Protein backbone atom coordinates (compact mmCIF):
# COMPACT_ATOMS: atom_id res chain seq x y z
CA MET A 1 -7.91 -17.29 11.85
CA THR A 2 -6.93 -21.31 12.23
CA PHE A 3 -3.21 -21.80 11.08
CA ALA A 4 -4.03 -25.62 10.28
CA LEU A 5 -2.60 -26.94 7.11
CA TYR A 6 -6.66 -28.47 6.99
CA GLY A 7 -9.41 -26.68 4.81
CA PRO A 8 -12.66 -28.20 4.19
CA LEU A 9 -11.59 -31.03 1.74
CA GLY A 10 -9.29 -32.58 4.51
CA PRO A 11 -5.67 -32.79 4.57
CA MET A 12 -3.54 -30.79 2.59
CA THR A 13 -2.70 -33.22 -0.50
CA ARG A 14 1.35 -34.11 -1.51
CA ILE A 15 1.21 -31.76 -4.70
CA GLU A 16 -0.34 -28.81 -1.95
CA ARG A 17 2.41 -29.04 0.33
CA ALA A 18 5.31 -29.58 -1.97
CA GLY A 19 3.92 -26.39 -3.99
CA LEU A 20 3.63 -24.54 -0.60
CA ALA A 21 6.82 -25.25 0.21
CA ALA A 22 8.61 -23.78 -3.15
CA ALA A 23 6.42 -21.07 -2.96
CA LEU A 24 7.70 -19.96 0.55
CA LEU A 25 11.39 -21.07 -0.72
CA LEU A 26 11.06 -19.07 -4.05
CA ALA A 27 9.29 -15.91 -1.77
CA ALA A 28 12.25 -16.00 0.19
CA ALA A 29 15.17 -16.62 -2.43
CA LEU A 30 13.50 -13.61 -4.34
CA MET A 31 13.11 -11.07 -1.17
CA TRP A 32 16.59 -11.72 -0.46
CA PRO A 33 18.20 -9.39 -3.45
CA LEU A 34 15.56 -7.05 -1.81
CA ARG A 35 16.78 -6.94 1.82
CA HIS A 36 18.28 -3.43 1.44
CA TYR A 37 15.31 -1.37 -0.67
CA VAL A 38 14.25 1.71 1.14
CA THR A 39 12.01 4.42 0.44
CA ASP A 40 11.55 7.91 1.58
CA ASP A 41 7.86 6.81 3.20
CA THR A 42 9.73 4.37 5.34
CA PHE A 43 10.73 6.84 7.37
CA ILE A 44 7.70 8.36 7.75
CA HIS A 45 6.25 5.68 9.93
CA LEU A 46 9.56 5.40 11.76
CA HIS A 47 9.77 8.99 13.05
CA TYR A 48 6.05 8.53 14.27
CA ALA A 49 7.04 5.06 15.81
CA ARG A 50 10.13 6.88 17.41
CA HIS A 51 8.18 9.65 19.01
CA LEU A 52 5.33 6.98 20.16
CA ALA A 53 8.27 4.57 21.40
CA THR A 54 9.50 7.36 23.08
CA GLY A 55 6.43 8.94 25.12
CA GLN A 56 6.13 11.77 22.66
CA GLY A 57 2.66 10.90 21.09
CA LEU A 58 1.87 9.46 17.65
CA VAL A 59 2.96 12.65 15.83
CA PHE A 60 5.57 13.67 13.27
CA ASN A 61 6.70 17.08 14.44
CA PRO A 62 6.38 16.61 18.63
CA GLY A 63 3.38 18.82 19.79
CA GLU A 64 1.98 19.15 16.59
CA ARG A 65 -1.31 16.43 16.42
CA VAL A 66 -1.64 15.91 12.49
CA TYR A 67 -3.16 12.76 11.26
CA GLY A 68 -0.45 11.83 8.94
CA CYS A 69 0.26 8.14 9.30
CA THR A 70 -2.26 5.99 7.18
CA SER A 71 -1.46 3.19 9.03
CA PRO A 72 -1.18 3.74 12.56
CA LEU A 73 -1.14 -0.65 13.25
CA TRP A 74 2.10 -0.40 11.36
CA VAL A 75 3.37 2.47 13.00
CA SER A 76 2.46 1.34 16.47
CA LEU A 77 4.09 -2.42 15.42
CA ILE A 78 7.58 -1.09 14.72
CA ALA A 79 7.20 1.57 18.16
CA ASP A 80 6.94 -2.35 19.65
CA GLY A 81 10.42 -2.55 18.36
CA MET A 82 11.79 0.41 19.33
CA ALA A 83 10.48 0.30 22.75
CA LEU A 84 11.76 -3.27 23.74
CA GLY A 85 15.57 -1.98 21.97
CA PHE A 86 15.82 -2.81 18.36
CA ASP A 87 16.34 -0.88 15.37
CA GLY A 88 12.99 0.50 13.64
CA LEU A 89 14.17 -0.33 10.21
CA ARG A 90 14.71 -3.66 10.92
CA VAL A 91 12.13 -4.51 12.94
CA ALA A 92 9.80 -2.94 10.04
CA ARG A 93 11.67 -5.55 7.84
CA VAL A 94 11.14 -8.66 9.41
CA LEU A 95 7.48 -7.54 9.95
CA GLY A 96 7.21 -7.39 5.82
CA PHE A 97 9.21 -10.48 5.70
CA LEU A 98 6.81 -12.67 7.97
CA ALA A 99 3.88 -10.86 6.40
CA THR A 100 5.12 -11.53 3.14
CA LEU A 101 5.45 -15.38 3.47
CA TRP A 102 2.16 -15.54 5.71
CA SER A 103 0.22 -13.82 2.54
CA VAL A 104 1.72 -17.33 0.46
CA VAL A 105 -0.15 -19.39 3.45
CA LEU A 106 -3.11 -17.40 3.27
CA PHE A 107 -3.47 -17.76 -0.44
CA LEU A 108 -3.09 -21.33 -0.23
CA GLN A 109 -5.59 -21.50 1.95
CA LEU A 110 -7.67 -19.15 -0.10
CA MET A 111 -7.28 -21.75 -2.82
CA ARG A 112 -8.31 -24.56 -0.95
CA ARG A 113 -11.67 -23.40 0.15
CA ASN A 114 -11.94 -22.25 -3.47
CA LEU A 115 -10.73 -24.46 -6.10
CA ARG A 116 -11.44 -28.01 -6.42
CA THR A 117 -8.14 -29.19 -8.55
CA PRO A 118 -5.37 -29.64 -5.55
CA ALA A 119 -2.63 -29.68 -8.55
CA LEU A 120 -4.13 -25.88 -10.10
CA ARG A 121 -4.37 -24.87 -6.03
CA ALA A 122 -0.51 -25.29 -5.70
CA ALA A 123 0.43 -24.44 -9.26
CA ALA A 124 -2.15 -20.79 -8.43
CA THR A 125 0.02 -20.41 -5.03
CA LEU A 126 3.33 -21.06 -6.53
CA ALA A 127 2.61 -18.01 -8.88
CA TRP A 128 1.37 -15.99 -6.31
CA ALA A 129 4.69 -16.42 -4.20
CA GLY A 130 6.75 -15.24 -7.36
CA HIS A 131 4.42 -11.49 -7.80
CA ALA A 132 6.73 -8.92 -8.73
CA TRP A 133 5.07 -6.32 -6.78
CA MET A 134 4.28 -7.89 -3.48
CA LEU A 135 8.56 -8.82 -3.60
CA ARG A 136 8.96 -5.28 -4.34
CA TRP A 137 7.02 -3.88 -1.16
CA SER A 138 8.23 -7.20 0.74
CA LEU A 139 11.73 -5.85 2.46
CA SER A 140 11.46 -1.81 2.36
CA GLY A 141 9.37 -1.19 5.56
CA MET A 142 6.53 -0.40 4.65
CA GLU A 143 3.45 -1.51 5.73
CA THR A 144 2.45 -2.85 2.45
CA PRO A 145 2.53 -6.34 3.67
CA LEU A 146 0.77 -6.90 6.73
CA ALA A 147 -2.08 -4.80 4.76
CA VAL A 148 -2.30 -7.95 2.17
CA ALA A 149 -2.13 -10.64 4.45
CA LEU A 150 -5.21 -9.11 6.82
CA ILE A 151 -6.76 -8.60 3.81
CA LEU A 152 -6.09 -12.17 2.47
CA ALA A 153 -6.75 -13.90 5.85
CA GLY A 154 -10.44 -11.90 6.08
CA PHE A 155 -11.08 -13.23 2.68
CA VAL A 156 -10.02 -16.28 4.05
CA ALA A 157 -12.60 -16.61 6.61
CA PHE A 158 -15.11 -15.17 4.53
CA THR A 159 -14.92 -17.92 2.49
CA GLU A 160 -15.05 -20.95 5.06
CA GLY A 161 -18.28 -22.83 5.77
CA LYS A 162 -20.80 -23.90 3.73
CA GLN A 163 -22.05 -20.25 2.73
CA TRP A 164 -19.76 -17.16 2.66
CA GLY A 165 -20.22 -14.79 5.39
CA ALA A 166 -20.31 -17.58 7.54
CA ARG A 167 -17.20 -16.73 9.71
CA PRO A 168 -18.90 -12.75 10.30
CA VAL A 169 -16.53 -12.08 13.62
CA ARG A 170 -13.42 -13.41 12.42
CA THR A 171 -13.70 -11.78 9.11
CA GLY A 172 -15.05 -8.56 10.32
CA ALA A 173 -12.19 -8.52 13.04
CA LEU A 174 -9.41 -9.17 10.53
CA TRP A 175 -11.04 -6.55 7.92
CA ALA A 176 -10.67 -3.83 10.68
CA LEU A 177 -7.03 -4.51 11.33
CA ALA A 178 -6.49 -4.01 7.75
CA ALA A 179 -8.10 -0.51 7.66
CA LEU A 180 -5.42 0.44 10.54
CA THR A 181 -3.18 -0.95 8.19
CA ARG A 182 -4.22 0.84 5.03
CA PRO A 183 -6.72 3.25 4.73
CA GLU A 184 -8.66 1.59 0.98
CA ALA A 185 -9.64 -1.34 3.48
CA ALA A 186 -11.93 0.97 5.16
CA LEU A 187 -14.04 0.81 2.09
CA LEU A 188 -13.93 -3.28 1.95
CA LEU A 189 -15.70 -2.75 5.52
CA VAL A 190 -18.15 -0.55 4.16
CA LEU A 191 -18.95 -2.88 1.09
CA TRP A 192 -18.92 -5.45 4.07
CA GLY A 193 -21.23 -4.20 6.11
CA ILE A 194 -23.38 -3.29 3.03
CA PHE A 195 -23.75 -7.14 2.21
CA LEU A 196 -24.42 -7.67 5.35
CA LEU A 197 -27.74 -5.47 5.63
CA VAL A 198 -28.76 -6.85 2.24
CA ASP A 199 -28.35 -10.17 3.47
CA THR A 200 -30.63 -9.96 6.57
CA ASP A 201 -33.88 -11.23 5.18
CA SER A 202 -33.88 -14.12 7.86
CA ARG A 203 -33.13 -14.10 11.46
CA PRO A 204 -29.43 -16.25 10.53
CA GLY A 205 -28.60 -13.26 8.44
CA LEU A 206 -29.74 -10.78 10.97
CA GLN A 207 -27.49 -12.43 13.50
CA ARG A 208 -24.28 -12.24 10.53
CA LEU A 209 -25.30 -8.47 10.24
CA ILE A 210 -25.00 -7.76 14.27
CA PHE A 211 -21.31 -10.45 14.46
CA GLY A 212 -20.12 -9.23 11.53
CA THR A 213 -20.23 -5.15 12.36
CA LEU A 214 -19.52 -5.32 16.12
CA PRO A 215 -15.44 -6.29 15.55
CA PRO A 216 -15.29 -3.80 13.43
CA ALA A 217 -16.89 -0.55 15.76
CA LEU A 218 -14.97 -1.77 18.37
CA ILE A 219 -11.53 -2.05 16.57
CA TYR A 220 -11.76 0.31 14.41
CA GLY A 221 -14.98 2.50 15.76
CA THR A 222 -12.43 2.95 18.54
CA TRP A 223 -9.30 4.25 16.29
CA LEU A 224 -12.17 7.29 14.72
CA LEU A 225 -12.73 8.29 17.84
CA PHE A 226 -9.01 8.40 19.35
CA ALA A 227 -8.67 9.83 15.94
CA ARG A 228 -11.03 12.52 16.37
CA VAL A 229 -10.28 13.12 19.95
CA TYR A 230 -6.27 13.35 19.43
CA PHE A 231 -5.81 14.63 15.46
CA GLY A 232 -9.48 16.87 15.71
CA THR A 233 -10.29 14.58 12.52
CA LEU A 234 -11.63 11.22 11.07
CA TRP A 235 -9.58 10.86 7.94
CA PRO A 236 -5.40 10.82 7.68
CA GLN A 237 -4.35 14.23 6.54
CA THR A 238 -2.51 12.12 3.15
CA LEU A 239 -5.85 11.51 1.76
CA GLN A 240 -6.07 15.30 1.28
CA ALA A 241 -2.33 15.83 0.13
CA LYS A 242 -1.98 13.18 -2.28
CA ALA A 243 -5.64 14.42 -4.07
CA ALA A 244 -3.99 17.95 -4.77
CA GLY A 245 -2.30 19.03 -7.89
CA GLY A 246 -4.31 17.40 -10.57
CA ALA A 247 -7.90 18.25 -11.79
CA GLY A 248 -9.84 17.82 -15.22
CA LEU A 249 -10.56 14.44 -17.52
CA ALA A 250 -7.17 14.16 -18.80
CA TYR A 251 -5.68 14.15 -15.73
CA HIS A 252 -8.21 11.35 -14.01
CA LEU A 253 -7.29 9.06 -17.27
CA SER A 254 -3.87 9.05 -17.34
CA GLY A 255 -4.62 7.74 -13.44
CA LEU A 256 -6.38 4.83 -14.78
CA TRP A 257 -3.95 4.46 -17.48
CA ARG A 258 -0.95 4.46 -14.48
CA GLN A 259 -3.35 1.75 -12.79
CA VAL A 260 -3.74 -0.44 -15.61
CA ARG A 261 -0.38 -0.66 -16.69
CA ILE A 262 0.78 -1.54 -13.39
CA VAL A 263 -2.05 -4.56 -12.98
CA GLY A 264 -0.89 -5.19 -16.49
CA ALA A 265 2.40 -5.78 -15.76
CA THR A 266 1.85 -8.63 -13.24
CA ASP A 267 -1.79 -9.53 -13.51
CA GLY A 268 -2.42 -8.87 -17.41
CA LEU A 269 -3.00 -12.75 -17.70
CA LEU A 270 -4.71 -13.40 -14.98
CA ALA A 271 -6.90 -10.22 -15.43
CA GLY A 272 -7.34 -11.95 -19.45
CA LEU A 273 -8.48 -15.38 -17.75
CA LEU A 274 -11.21 -13.74 -15.48
CA ALA A 275 -12.30 -11.71 -18.49
CA VAL A 276 -12.52 -14.85 -20.96
CA ALA A 277 -14.02 -17.20 -18.40
CA LEU A 278 -16.85 -14.61 -17.13
CA LEU A 279 -17.78 -14.08 -21.27
CA ALA A 280 -17.53 -18.15 -21.88
CA GLY A 281 -18.89 -19.41 -18.98
CA GLY A 282 -21.34 -16.93 -18.55
CA ARG A 283 -23.82 -17.83 -15.22
CA ARG A 284 -21.79 -20.71 -14.25
CA VAL A 285 -18.79 -18.96 -13.05
CA TRP A 286 -21.08 -16.75 -10.95
CA THR A 287 -23.03 -19.46 -9.44
CA GLN A 288 -20.84 -22.11 -9.72
CA ARG A 289 -21.62 -22.81 -5.90
CA PRO A 290 -25.14 -22.96 -4.21
CA ALA A 291 -23.53 -21.20 -1.55
CA ALA A 292 -22.35 -18.24 -2.82
CA GLN A 293 -26.05 -17.72 -4.09
CA ARG A 294 -26.24 -14.76 -1.56
CA ALA A 295 -25.55 -11.21 -1.99
CA GLN A 296 -22.19 -11.86 -0.39
CA ARG A 297 -20.85 -13.41 -3.17
CA LEU A 298 -20.23 -9.84 -4.99
CA LEU A 299 -18.00 -8.30 -2.57
CA PRO A 300 -14.95 -9.58 -3.72
CA TRP A 301 -15.63 -8.86 -7.39
CA VAL A 302 -16.77 -4.66 -5.99
CA TRP A 303 -13.94 -4.65 -4.12
CA VAL A 304 -11.60 -5.04 -7.03
CA ILE A 305 -13.38 -2.34 -8.99
CA ALA A 306 -14.27 -0.06 -6.18
CA VAL A 307 -10.85 1.15 -5.17
CA PRO A 308 -9.26 1.70 -8.46
CA ALA A 309 -12.67 3.72 -9.74
CA LEU A 310 -11.90 5.61 -6.36
CA TYR A 311 -8.40 6.70 -7.10
CA VAL A 312 -9.21 7.60 -10.37
CA ALA A 313 -11.96 9.79 -8.86
CA ARG A 314 -10.17 11.25 -6.29
CA GLY A 315 -7.12 11.84 -8.78
CA VAL A 316 -4.78 10.08 -6.45
CA PRO A 317 -1.29 9.36 -8.29
CA VAL A 318 -1.29 5.71 -7.76
CA LEU A 319 1.92 3.43 -7.40
CA SER A 320 2.11 -0.62 -6.89
CA ARG A 321 1.69 -0.34 -3.36
CA TYR A 322 -1.72 0.94 -3.11
CA LEU A 323 -3.21 -1.40 -5.69
CA LEU A 324 -1.25 -4.74 -4.46
CA PRO A 325 -3.88 -5.57 -1.82
CA LEU A 326 -6.21 -5.82 -4.54
CA LEU A 327 -3.85 -8.42 -6.41
CA PRO A 328 -4.44 -11.63 -4.65
CA VAL A 329 -8.04 -11.05 -5.08
CA LEU A 330 -8.11 -10.59 -8.67
CA GLY A 331 -5.90 -13.38 -8.75
CA TRP A 332 -8.17 -16.17 -6.85
CA LEU A 333 -11.73 -14.72 -8.99
CA ALA A 334 -9.47 -15.51 -12.08
CA TRP A 335 -8.08 -18.53 -10.81
CA ARG A 336 -11.45 -19.59 -9.67
CA ALA A 337 -13.62 -18.81 -12.95
CA GLY A 338 -10.68 -20.49 -14.94
CA GLU A 339 -11.39 -23.78 -13.32
CA CYS A 340 -14.85 -23.43 -13.49
CA TRP A 341 -14.98 -22.73 -17.05
CA SER A 342 -12.56 -25.01 -17.74
CA SER A 343 -14.25 -28.10 -16.30
CA GLY A 344 -18.17 -26.95 -16.56
CA SER A 345 -20.42 -29.33 -15.34
CA GLY A 346 -17.95 -31.73 -15.16
CA ASP A 347 -16.02 -33.22 -12.15
CA THR A 348 -14.39 -36.25 -14.01
CA PRO A 349 -10.54 -37.49 -14.24
CA LYS A 350 -10.25 -35.99 -17.73
CA HIS A 351 -12.01 -32.72 -16.66
CA ALA A 352 -9.38 -32.44 -14.00
CA PHE A 353 -6.43 -33.43 -15.89
CA ARG A 354 -7.28 -31.09 -18.46
CA THR A 355 -7.56 -28.33 -15.81
CA THR A 356 -4.84 -29.22 -14.19
CA VAL A 357 -2.48 -29.25 -17.86
CA VAL A 358 -3.91 -25.63 -18.66
CA GLY A 359 -3.93 -24.41 -15.14
CA GLY A 360 -0.33 -25.51 -14.55
CA ALA A 361 0.55 -23.66 -18.32
CA LEU A 362 -1.00 -20.63 -16.96
CA ALA A 363 0.59 -20.57 -13.55
CA ALA A 364 4.23 -21.04 -15.57
CA LEU A 365 3.20 -18.28 -17.65
CA VAL A 366 2.06 -15.71 -15.20
CA LEU A 367 5.17 -16.72 -12.79
CA VAL A 368 7.46 -16.29 -16.00
CA GLN A 369 5.38 -12.70 -16.66
CA ASN A 370 6.35 -12.00 -12.31
CA LEU A 371 9.52 -13.11 -12.65
CA ALA A 372 10.49 -10.84 -15.99
CA VAL A 373 9.40 -7.71 -14.23
CA TYR A 374 11.08 -8.24 -11.61
CA ARG A 375 14.16 -8.78 -12.84
CA THR A 376 13.72 -5.82 -15.24
CA VAL A 377 12.12 -3.36 -13.33
CA VAL A 378 11.78 -4.29 -9.82
CA VAL A 379 15.58 -4.64 -8.96
CA PRO A 380 16.97 -1.96 -10.57
CA HIS A 381 14.89 0.42 -9.21
CA VAL A 382 15.13 -1.07 -5.93
CA ASP A 383 19.04 -1.02 -6.54
CA SER A 384 19.32 2.41 -8.34
CA PHE A 385 16.51 4.67 -5.65
CA SER A 386 17.98 2.57 -2.30
CA ALA A 387 21.73 4.12 -3.46
CA ALA A 388 20.49 6.98 -4.38
CA LEU A 389 18.55 7.81 -1.03
CA GLN A 390 22.03 7.01 0.89
CA ARG A 391 23.45 9.27 -1.25
CA SER A 392 21.00 12.06 -0.60
CA LEU A 393 18.68 12.23 1.63
CA ILE A 394 19.98 10.15 4.36
CA PRO A 395 23.28 11.91 4.61
CA TRP A 396 21.72 15.17 4.92
CA GLY A 397 19.38 14.29 7.00
CA ARG A 398 22.47 13.77 9.19
CA TRP A 399 24.38 17.21 8.22
CA PHE A 400 21.82 18.68 9.53
CA ALA A 401 21.67 16.52 12.66
CA ALA A 402 25.12 17.52 12.72
CA HIS A 403 25.17 21.17 12.23
CA THR A 404 21.68 22.85 13.15
CA PRO A 405 20.36 23.38 16.69
CA PRO A 406 17.47 21.66 17.71
CA GLY A 407 14.88 24.74 17.26
CA THR A 408 15.61 24.12 13.69
CA THR A 409 13.09 23.96 11.15
CA ILE A 410 13.53 22.72 7.40
CA ALA A 411 11.04 22.67 4.64
CA THR A 412 11.37 19.79 2.32
CA PRO A 413 8.69 17.95 -0.12
CA ASP A 414 10.25 14.46 0.90
CA ILE A 415 10.20 14.68 4.41
CA GLY A 416 10.92 10.60 5.76
CA ALA A 417 14.48 10.36 5.83
CA ILE A 418 15.32 14.29 6.57
CA ALA A 419 12.97 14.69 9.82
CA TYR A 420 14.11 10.62 10.75
CA TYR A 421 17.89 11.55 10.76
CA SER A 422 18.28 15.39 11.64
CA ARG A 423 15.85 14.63 14.45
CA ARG A 424 14.42 18.54 13.21
CA ARG A 425 11.49 19.94 12.68
CA VAL A 426 9.86 19.61 9.17
CA LEU A 427 7.61 21.68 7.60
CA ASP A 428 6.38 19.58 4.65
CA LEU A 429 6.44 21.07 1.25
CA ALA A 430 3.83 18.10 0.04
CA GLY A 431 1.42 18.64 2.79
CA LEU A 432 1.26 14.94 4.33
CA VAL A 433 1.71 16.25 7.68
CA THR A 434 1.80 20.21 7.27
CA PRO A 435 -2.13 20.34 6.04
CA GLU A 436 -1.93 24.11 6.09
CA MET A 437 -0.13 23.66 2.63
CA VAL A 438 -2.90 22.05 1.12
CA PRO A 439 -4.73 25.30 0.08
CA TYR A 440 -1.38 26.35 -1.76
CA LEU A 441 -1.48 22.94 -3.97
CA LEU A 442 -4.81 23.25 -5.09
CA ARG A 443 -4.11 26.60 -6.74
CA GLU A 444 -0.38 25.87 -7.97
CA THR A 445 1.86 23.03 -8.95
CA PRO A 446 4.26 22.16 -6.21
CA GLU A 447 7.20 24.18 -7.91
CA GLN A 448 5.29 27.55 -7.99
CA ALA A 449 3.84 27.02 -4.12
CA VAL A 450 7.94 26.80 -3.21
CA ALA A 451 8.87 29.38 -5.76
CA ASN A 452 6.14 31.48 -4.21
CA PHE A 453 7.42 31.11 -0.88
CA SER A 454 3.13 29.90 -0.26
CA PHE A 455 4.77 28.78 3.53
CA ALA A 456 5.44 32.05 4.50
CA SER A 457 2.33 33.07 5.01
CA PHE A 458 2.75 30.37 8.06
CA SER A 459 5.86 29.54 8.92
CA ARG A 460 9.04 30.71 8.00
CA PRO A 461 11.47 27.27 8.11
CA ASP A 462 15.27 27.82 8.47
CA TYR A 463 16.33 25.77 5.40
CA VAL A 464 14.30 24.45 2.48
CA VAL A 465 14.85 21.46 0.03
CA ASP A 466 13.72 22.33 -3.66
CA ARG A 467 13.01 19.04 -5.83
CA ALA A 468 13.84 20.26 -9.58
CA PRO A 469 15.21 18.28 -12.51
CA ALA A 470 18.76 20.29 -12.03
CA ALA A 471 20.55 21.46 -9.24
CA ASP A 472 20.23 25.19 -7.78
CA ASP A 473 16.82 25.51 -10.05
CA LEU A 474 14.58 27.25 -7.35
CA ARG A 475 16.89 30.65 -7.39
CA ARG A 476 16.64 30.74 -11.59
CA ARG A 477 12.65 29.78 -11.00
CA SER A 478 12.29 32.24 -7.95
CA ARG A 479 12.20 35.91 -7.39
CA PHE A 480 12.86 35.55 -3.80
CA ALA A 481 16.53 34.48 -5.00
CA ALA A 482 18.87 36.89 -3.24
CA CYS A 483 17.16 35.52 0.29
CA LEU A 484 18.62 31.59 -0.62
CA THR A 485 22.38 30.55 -0.14
CA ILE A 486 22.87 27.14 -1.71
CA LEU A 487 24.42 24.35 0.54
CA GLY A 488 24.80 21.56 -1.86
CA HIS A 489 22.74 19.17 -3.57
CA ALA A 490 22.09 15.53 -4.30
CA SER A 491 20.69 13.54 -7.30
CA VAL A 492 18.32 10.70 -7.45
CA PRO A 493 17.45 9.12 -10.87
CA ASN A 494 14.46 7.93 -10.67
CA LEU A 495 11.70 8.71 -8.07
CA GLY A 496 9.26 6.35 -9.36
CA VAL A 497 5.67 6.13 -10.94
CA SER A 498 4.28 9.34 -9.48
CA ARG A 499 7.26 11.14 -10.25
CA PRO A 500 9.16 9.44 -13.11
CA GLY A 501 12.37 10.41 -14.38
CA PRO A 502 16.26 12.11 -12.66
CA ALA A 503 15.54 14.49 -9.53
CA VAL A 504 17.66 16.97 -7.76
CA TYR A 505 17.49 17.90 -4.08
CA THR A 506 19.46 21.32 -3.67
CA PHE A 507 19.80 22.84 -0.49
CA TYR A 508 19.47 25.96 0.89
CA ARG A 509 19.73 28.30 3.91
CA VAL A 510 17.05 31.11 4.00
CA ASP A 511 17.71 34.87 5.22
CA TRP A 512 14.33 35.66 6.19
CA ALA A 513 15.51 39.83 6.19
CA VAL A 514 16.21 39.93 2.76
CA PHE A 515 12.89 38.21 2.17
CA ASP A 516 10.63 40.68 3.68
CA SER A 517 13.16 43.32 1.78
CA LEU A 518 12.01 41.83 -1.35
CA ALA A 519 8.77 40.74 -0.27
CA ALA A 520 7.50 44.79 0.43
CA ARG A 521 9.16 45.76 -3.17
CA PRO A 522 6.41 46.50 -5.58
């Protein structure tokens, strides 16, 4: 991957340099109010990273090899920083900040390889720099910014040269690293391999297949081999756990509608542009560039369709960060199709002026749309959720560290902050790092599984954390209420898209002698 600010059309123009500078400044300025954002999932990465940095292995609970980290590359980078003595959360935020700015640079590079109009490239990059979902996750400590940057870098390499796919080694290596950052990127590797295979109709095509699949085989294949030996499985436990708890047509349709709303909130205008350009431009939009005649030209299109379809099929409750790696690719396709449709077959100053004016106006609208989402959705949720986490799970994690012995086990539906701050063994009621819970979650709701003490069949935690709409709800809905002693509760105003609305965490001590007495009753 080259970082020189030159594309196939020569040095950057003045307007491109100005657009990139403005885009980087805009992204940095909009990230600043979000610098305190933290999620419970962030602490899952940090907990894995701390154990890796201290020599206990890639584990959540010491001694339990469960493939619960969906981003081994991200965890490894944080662990490197922690091993050097830096605070893990600060390392994660710095990495997210740098990856976000890198994605802005990469987006411009992608535009330079695919758009003819310099002003449109600059405008599109500026619009991407203000993308609300990208900004939301930039400083969260999550792996999303790195995944976006690596996928973008792969597409930059993919579109280099006179023919797409002419840089197979670099493309495959970058996407293999992306697959180690987000599991969905493994699908991109599969699609990449399929299209390389389809294009092996000549000796150069066969060479691309060999050189394109070799880096993923070495990078991602090595990881899969390690995962199979170390964890006993090739796939993260989270892929199974997140699909538990929903079934039926209505559930899958609601998941699809959730994705439509997420994408529409920030990229609705670009999706509309893409649809109109495809309908009005016809075949010209697909074949505007002779070098794109090969089957690989379908790769970005299939990628942005296949991942949402996979989410729907699996019943995964999608968050904006799951879709974010697709959105710059969607934007690239939209800007490319829009320019082709606007300019037609002409390449005159008149066509260029029209494209600049129309494209600039659309970029301004896209930026306004995203700034509105940033102001009305992202900032309020970041502020409220971060403050609530600081008042709820984080202090309770510290309480467990101060008031319980090292051998304590805590059962909780949200495991990150509790485990990270308590340094105690955690039983994951959501099944992400406790696979024994998943069969129960496939048969009953999470609330029923906790009320029924389903986990008692394989573990007897000393404490139970219940998440419900009201405080002390577990003792009202469980026949084992008498074995529970309430310690306190803490509320969170909104847990996000997957669990909208307020929630209250209630903390209990469990008396297992009383439980056994209750369980023995007919």
